[in-house]
Amino acid sequence: MDKGVTPACPADVDATAHVFVERLDDSVRVEGEEGHHLARVRRVRAGETITAADGFGRWRVYRVQSNADGCVALSAESDIAHELPLHPSLTVACALTKGERPELVVQKLTELGADAVYLVRAARSVVRWDASREANALGRLRRVAHEAAAQCRRARLPVIDGPLPTEELRTAPGLIVADRGGVPATELPLAESWTVAVGPEGGWDDAELRSFGAAPRLALGRFVLRAETAAIAAAAALTGRRTTADAPPA
């Protein structure tokens, strides 16, 4: 770190790796999957700098003390810092898609700073999860989000949940609907929260569109996008207008 400069988030620190831990104690032993990743995949060495976060915005700079048998010992190099949340908060509610597309969406939305990703069971969704598949799929998507958050070095883990029925979006805070006939992100009104709804490949049906009422429509370009592309594009468009609490809105 540069002297006299207070990093706003772990991404501002010149560190070898970023990891999530339960407690940000002065001394931390990273074991299990996290320890294996640091020790065997990243191959961190004694003396290297690592950032660690608790997943809720608290984070700290550490120095590697040792790396042995899949256990990495860390010693704190800084006080506990707090990553300020971005405003408006951003939730992306996207319809279920086939194959590995949900993993791609969750990975990229995590990198773009989404606070939450909710999968939606839309009328035209081809995919239908039963109870057992739902639990396994959500567990997999949360692991994807965890890995992506470590890679992009954010201190807050996004909420991953669903699938929700479309009806639940009606009362979502700051609802925005992705629509080719909408307006650019720069024309959307600022709010405390944004929830952007992205439909399936065939789009929302007429009843769903009516249920969204007068919610603002967000344009994502002139062409027809795949569902996963639209979700990522919506988050990217809105991210440009998000700021921390101490910065003026765009």
Protein backbone atom coordinates (compact mmCIF):
# COMPACT_ATOMS: atom_id res chain seq x y z
CA MET A 1 0.00 0.00 0.00
CA ASP A 2 1.10 3.54 -0.63
CA LYS A 3 1.83 5.46 2.54
CA GLY A 4 -0.86 7.96 3.42
CA VAL A 5 -3.42 6.32 1.09
CA THR A 6 -6.32 4.45 2.64
CA PRO A 7 -7.54 1.71 0.28
CA ALA A 8 -11.29 1.71 -0.33
CA CYS A 9 -11.47 -2.02 -0.90
CA PRO A 10 -9.19 -5.09 -1.18
CA ALA A 11 -8.82 -4.52 -4.93
CA ASP A 12 -6.82 -1.37 -4.13
CA VAL A 13 -4.09 -3.36 -2.35
CA ASP A 14 -1.14 -4.86 -4.23
CA ALA A 15 -1.70 -8.36 -2.85
CA THR A 16 -0.91 -11.85 -4.08
CA ALA A 17 -4.41 -13.17 -3.38
CA HIS A 18 -7.72 -12.45 -1.69
CA VAL A 19 -9.51 -14.87 0.62
CA PHE A 20 -12.67 -15.06 2.73
CA VAL A 21 -12.42 -16.05 6.40
CA GLU A 22 -14.87 -16.28 9.28
CA ARG A 23 -12.90 -14.03 11.64
CA LEU A 24 -10.45 -11.21 10.95
CA ASP A 25 -8.25 -11.89 13.96
CA ASP A 26 -4.67 -10.66 14.29
CA SER A 27 -3.51 -14.18 13.46
CA VAL A 28 -5.48 -16.39 11.09
CA ARG A 29 -5.00 -19.97 9.89
CA VAL A 30 -6.61 -20.62 6.52
CA GLU A 31 -7.44 -24.30 6.08
CA GLY A 32 -9.93 -26.44 4.15
CA GLU A 33 -10.79 -25.47 0.57
CA GLU A 34 -9.56 -21.89 1.05
CA GLY A 35 -6.26 -23.10 2.47
CA HIS A 36 -5.85 -25.63 -0.33
CA HIS A 37 -6.44 -22.93 -2.93
CA LEU A 38 -3.90 -20.58 -1.38
CA ALA A 39 -1.33 -23.29 -0.71
CA ARG A 40 -1.59 -25.55 -3.74
CA VAL A 41 -3.16 -23.40 -6.47
CA ARG A 42 -1.87 -19.90 -5.74
CA ARG A 43 1.27 -21.28 -4.05
CA VAL A 44 1.63 -18.33 -1.74
CA ARG A 45 4.92 -17.92 0.08
CA ALA A 46 6.01 -16.56 3.43
CA GLY A 47 6.32 -12.78 3.30
CA GLU A 48 3.70 -12.25 0.58
CA THR A 49 0.73 -9.93 1.13
CA ILE A 50 -2.82 -11.27 1.15
CA THR A 51 -6.13 -9.53 1.76
CA ALA A 52 -8.92 -11.27 3.67
CA ALA A 53 -12.58 -10.38 4.11
CA ASP A 54 -15.52 -11.70 6.10
CA GLY A 55 -18.03 -11.47 3.21
CA PHE A 56 -19.99 -8.65 4.88
CA GLY A 57 -17.74 -5.70 3.98
CA ARG A 58 -15.05 -6.00 6.69
CA TRP A 59 -11.53 -6.74 5.44
CA ARG A 60 -7.89 -6.61 6.42
CA VAL A 61 -4.35 -6.85 5.00
CA TYR A 62 -2.27 -9.85 6.10
CA ARG A 63 1.27 -11.15 5.67
CA VAL A 64 1.85 -14.86 4.98
CA GLN A 65 3.82 -16.39 7.83
CA SER A 66 3.93 -19.99 6.62
CA ASN A 67 2.46 -22.38 4.07
CA ALA A 68 2.50 -26.07 4.99
CA ASP A 69 0.22 -29.08 4.42
CA GLY A 70 -2.65 -27.03 2.98
CA CYS A 71 -2.66 -24.61 5.92
CA VAL A 72 -1.63 -20.99 5.44
CA ALA A 73 -0.81 -18.93 8.53
CA LEU A 74 -1.45 -15.19 8.26
CA SER A 75 -0.51 -12.24 10.46
CA ALA A 76 -2.39 -8.92 10.30
CA GLU A 77 -0.60 -5.98 8.70
CA SER A 78 -3.42 -3.44 9.00
CA ASP A 79 -6.45 -2.57 11.08
CA ILE A 80 -9.86 -3.86 10.00
CA ALA A 81 -11.27 -1.73 7.19
CA HIS A 82 -14.81 -1.42 5.87
CA GLU A 83 -15.68 -1.54 2.19
CA LEU A 84 -18.39 1.06 1.65
CA PRO A 85 -21.45 -0.29 -0.17
CA LEU A 86 -22.34 1.12 -3.56
CA HIS A 87 -25.54 3.13 -4.00
CA PRO A 88 -28.08 2.41 -5.25
CA SER A 89 -27.90 -1.19 -4.13
CA LEU A 90 -28.25 -3.50 -7.14
CA THR A 91 -30.23 -6.71 -7.41
CA VAL A 92 -30.47 -8.56 -10.71
CA ALA A 93 -33.52 -10.79 -11.07
CA CYS A 94 -32.99 -12.97 -14.11
CA ALA A 95 -35.05 -15.78 -15.57
CA LEU A 96 -33.75 -19.34 -15.42
CA THR A 97 -31.71 -20.44 -18.43
CA LYS A 98 -30.33 -23.76 -19.65
CA GLY A 99 -26.95 -25.42 -19.22
CA GLU A 100 -24.10 -23.54 -17.60
CA ARG A 101 -25.49 -20.09 -18.34
CA PRO A 102 -26.59 -19.37 -14.73
CA GLU A 103 -23.00 -19.95 -13.60
CA LEU A 104 -21.73 -17.46 -16.16
CA VAL A 105 -24.32 -14.89 -15.13
CA VAL A 106 -23.56 -15.23 -11.41
CA GLN A 107 -19.81 -15.04 -12.04
CA LYS A 108 -20.00 -11.86 -14.11
CA LEU A 109 -22.62 -10.15 -11.94
CA THR A 110 -20.42 -10.78 -8.91
CA GLU A 111 -17.47 -9.19 -10.72
CA LEU A 112 -19.65 -6.20 -11.63
CA GLY A 113 -20.57 -5.62 -7.98
CA ALA A 114 -24.18 -6.81 -7.84
CA ASP A 115 -25.43 -7.08 -4.26
CA ALA A 116 -27.85 -9.90 -5.02
CA VAL A 117 -28.79 -12.24 -7.86
CA TYR A 118 -32.24 -13.80 -7.82
CA LEU A 119 -33.25 -16.45 -10.30
CA VAL A 120 -36.82 -16.10 -11.55
CA ARG A 121 -39.28 -18.74 -12.72
CA ALA A 122 -40.83 -16.89 -15.66
CA ALA A 123 -43.77 -18.07 -17.77
CA ARG A 124 -41.48 -18.74 -20.73
CA SER A 125 -38.60 -20.24 -18.77
CA VAL A 126 -37.66 -23.56 -20.32
CA VAL A 127 -35.81 -24.75 -17.22
CA ARG A 128 -37.82 -26.05 -14.26
CA TRP A 129 -36.03 -27.11 -11.07
CA ASP A 130 -37.48 -29.60 -8.61
CA ALA A 131 -36.69 -29.27 -4.89
CA SER A 132 -33.58 -31.50 -4.93
CA ARG A 133 -32.13 -29.91 -8.04
CA GLU A 134 -32.85 -26.43 -6.68
CA ALA A 135 -30.78 -27.00 -3.53
CA ASN A 136 -27.85 -28.41 -5.49
CA ALA A 137 -27.98 -25.68 -8.13
CA LEU A 138 -28.09 -22.86 -5.57
CA GLY A 139 -25.18 -24.39 -3.69
CA ARG A 140 -23.17 -24.52 -6.91
CA LEU A 141 -24.05 -20.93 -7.82
CA ARG A 142 -23.05 -19.69 -4.36
CA ARG A 143 -19.67 -21.38 -4.78
CA VAL A 144 -19.30 -19.66 -8.16
CA ALA A 145 -20.09 -16.31 -6.52
CA HIS A 146 -17.60 -17.02 -3.73
CA GLU A 147 -14.83 -17.81 -6.22
CA ALA A 148 -15.66 -14.78 -8.37
CA ALA A 149 -15.70 -12.48 -5.34
CA ALA A 150 -12.24 -13.72 -4.35
CA GLN A 151 -10.97 -13.26 -7.90
CA CYS A 152 -12.27 -9.69 -8.25
CA ARG A 153 -11.31 -8.89 -4.63
CA ARG A 154 -14.52 -7.56 -3.19
CA ALA A 155 -15.21 -7.70 0.55
CA ARG A 156 -18.94 -8.42 0.27
CA LEU A 157 -20.37 -11.68 -1.00
CA PRO A 158 -23.56 -11.28 -3.06
CA VAL A 159 -26.80 -12.94 -2.05
CA ILE A 160 -27.72 -15.77 -4.44
CA ASP A 161 -31.29 -17.06 -4.15
CA GLY A 162 -34.42 -18.24 -5.94
CA PRO A 163 -36.05 -19.36 -8.07
CA LEU A 164 -38.77 -16.79 -7.39
CA PRO A 165 -42.14 -16.58 -9.15
CA THR A 166 -42.45 -13.52 -11.36
CA GLU A 167 -45.24 -12.20 -9.10
CA GLU A 168 -42.73 -11.44 -6.37
CA LEU A 169 -41.02 -8.86 -8.57
CA ARG A 170 -44.06 -6.58 -8.49
CA THR A 171 -43.12 -5.22 -5.08
CA ALA A 172 -39.35 -5.34 -5.53
CA PRO A 173 -37.66 -2.08 -4.45
CA GLY A 174 -36.70 0.19 -7.34
CA LEU A 175 -37.97 -2.22 -10.00
CA ILE A 176 -36.53 -1.71 -13.50
CA VAL A 177 -37.42 -3.92 -16.47
CA ALA A 178 -34.85 -4.64 -19.19
CA ASP A 179 -36.61 -3.84 -22.47
CA ARG A 180 -35.43 -2.89 -25.97
CA GLY A 181 -37.98 -0.07 -25.96
CA GLY A 182 -36.65 1.45 -22.77
CA VAL A 183 -34.36 4.37 -22.01
CA PRO A 184 -30.58 4.45 -21.45
CA ALA A 185 -29.29 3.90 -17.92
CA THR A 186 -28.33 7.57 -17.68
CA GLU A 187 -32.01 8.54 -17.87
CA LEU A 188 -33.22 6.30 -15.07
CA PRO A 189 -34.18 7.98 -11.80
CA LEU A 190 -31.85 7.38 -8.87
CA ALA A 191 -33.28 5.42 -5.95
CA GLU A 192 -32.14 3.76 -2.74
CA SER A 193 -32.27 0.40 -4.49
CA TRP A 194 -32.48 -0.95 -8.02
CA THR A 195 -33.92 -4.34 -8.93
CA VAL A 196 -33.50 -4.99 -12.63
CA ALA A 197 -35.70 -7.75 -14.07
CA VAL A 198 -34.31 -9.64 -17.08
CA GLY A 199 -36.59 -12.03 -18.93
CA PRO A 200 -35.95 -15.44 -20.51
CA GLU A 201 -35.01 -16.10 -24.15
CA GLY A 202 -38.60 -15.56 -25.31
CA GLY A 203 -39.04 -12.46 -23.17
CA TRP A 204 -41.66 -11.73 -20.53
CA ASP A 205 -45.20 -12.67 -21.56
CA ASP A 206 -47.97 -10.05 -21.75
CA ALA A 207 -49.34 -10.82 -18.30
CA GLU A 208 -45.91 -10.44 -16.72
CA LEU A 209 -45.30 -7.16 -18.50
CA ARG A 210 -48.65 -5.83 -17.29
CA SER A 211 -47.80 -6.90 -13.75
CA PHE A 212 -44.69 -4.72 -13.83
CA GLY A 213 -46.94 -1.69 -14.29
CA ALA A 214 -45.18 1.63 -14.80
CA ALA A 215 -41.74 0.38 -13.70
CA PRO A 216 -39.03 2.12 -15.78
CA ARG A 217 -37.75 0.23 -18.81
CA LEU A 218 -33.99 -0.05 -19.39
CA ALA A 219 -32.67 -0.28 -22.95
CA LEU A 220 -29.63 -2.49 -23.52
CA GLY A 221 -28.97 -1.74 -27.17
CA ARG A 222 -30.67 -2.09 -30.52
CA PHE A 223 -30.25 -5.85 -30.93
CA VAL A 224 -31.94 -8.87 -29.37
CA LEU A 225 -29.69 -10.27 -26.62
CA ARG A 226 -29.48 -13.72 -25.13
CA ALA A 227 -30.87 -13.82 -21.60
CA GLU A 228 -27.47 -14.18 -19.94
CA THR A 229 -25.99 -11.38 -22.06
CA ALA A 230 -28.88 -9.10 -21.14
CA ALA A 231 -28.40 -9.71 -17.41
CA ILE A 232 -24.70 -8.89 -17.61
CA ALA A 233 -25.30 -5.86 -19.86
CA ALA A 234 -27.96 -4.50 -17.48
CA ALA A 235 -25.62 -4.72 -14.50
CA ALA A 236 -22.79 -3.13 -16.47
CA ALA A 237 -25.01 -0.25 -17.59
CA LEU A 238 -26.23 0.47 -14.07
CA THR A 239 -22.81 0.02 -12.43
CA GLY A 240 -21.62 3.18 -14.15
CA ARG A 241 -24.12 5.21 -12.11
CA ARG A 242 -23.41 3.64 -8.73
CA THR A 243 -21.22 5.44 -6.20
CA THR A 244 -20.07 5.05 -2.63
CA ALA A 245 -21.82 7.07 0.06
CA ASP A 246 -19.12 9.76 0.04
CA ALA A 247 -19.14 10.32 -3.74
CA PRO A 248 -21.58 12.38 -5.84
CA PRO A 249 -24.04 10.39 -8.05
CA ALA A 250 -23.40 10.15 -11.78
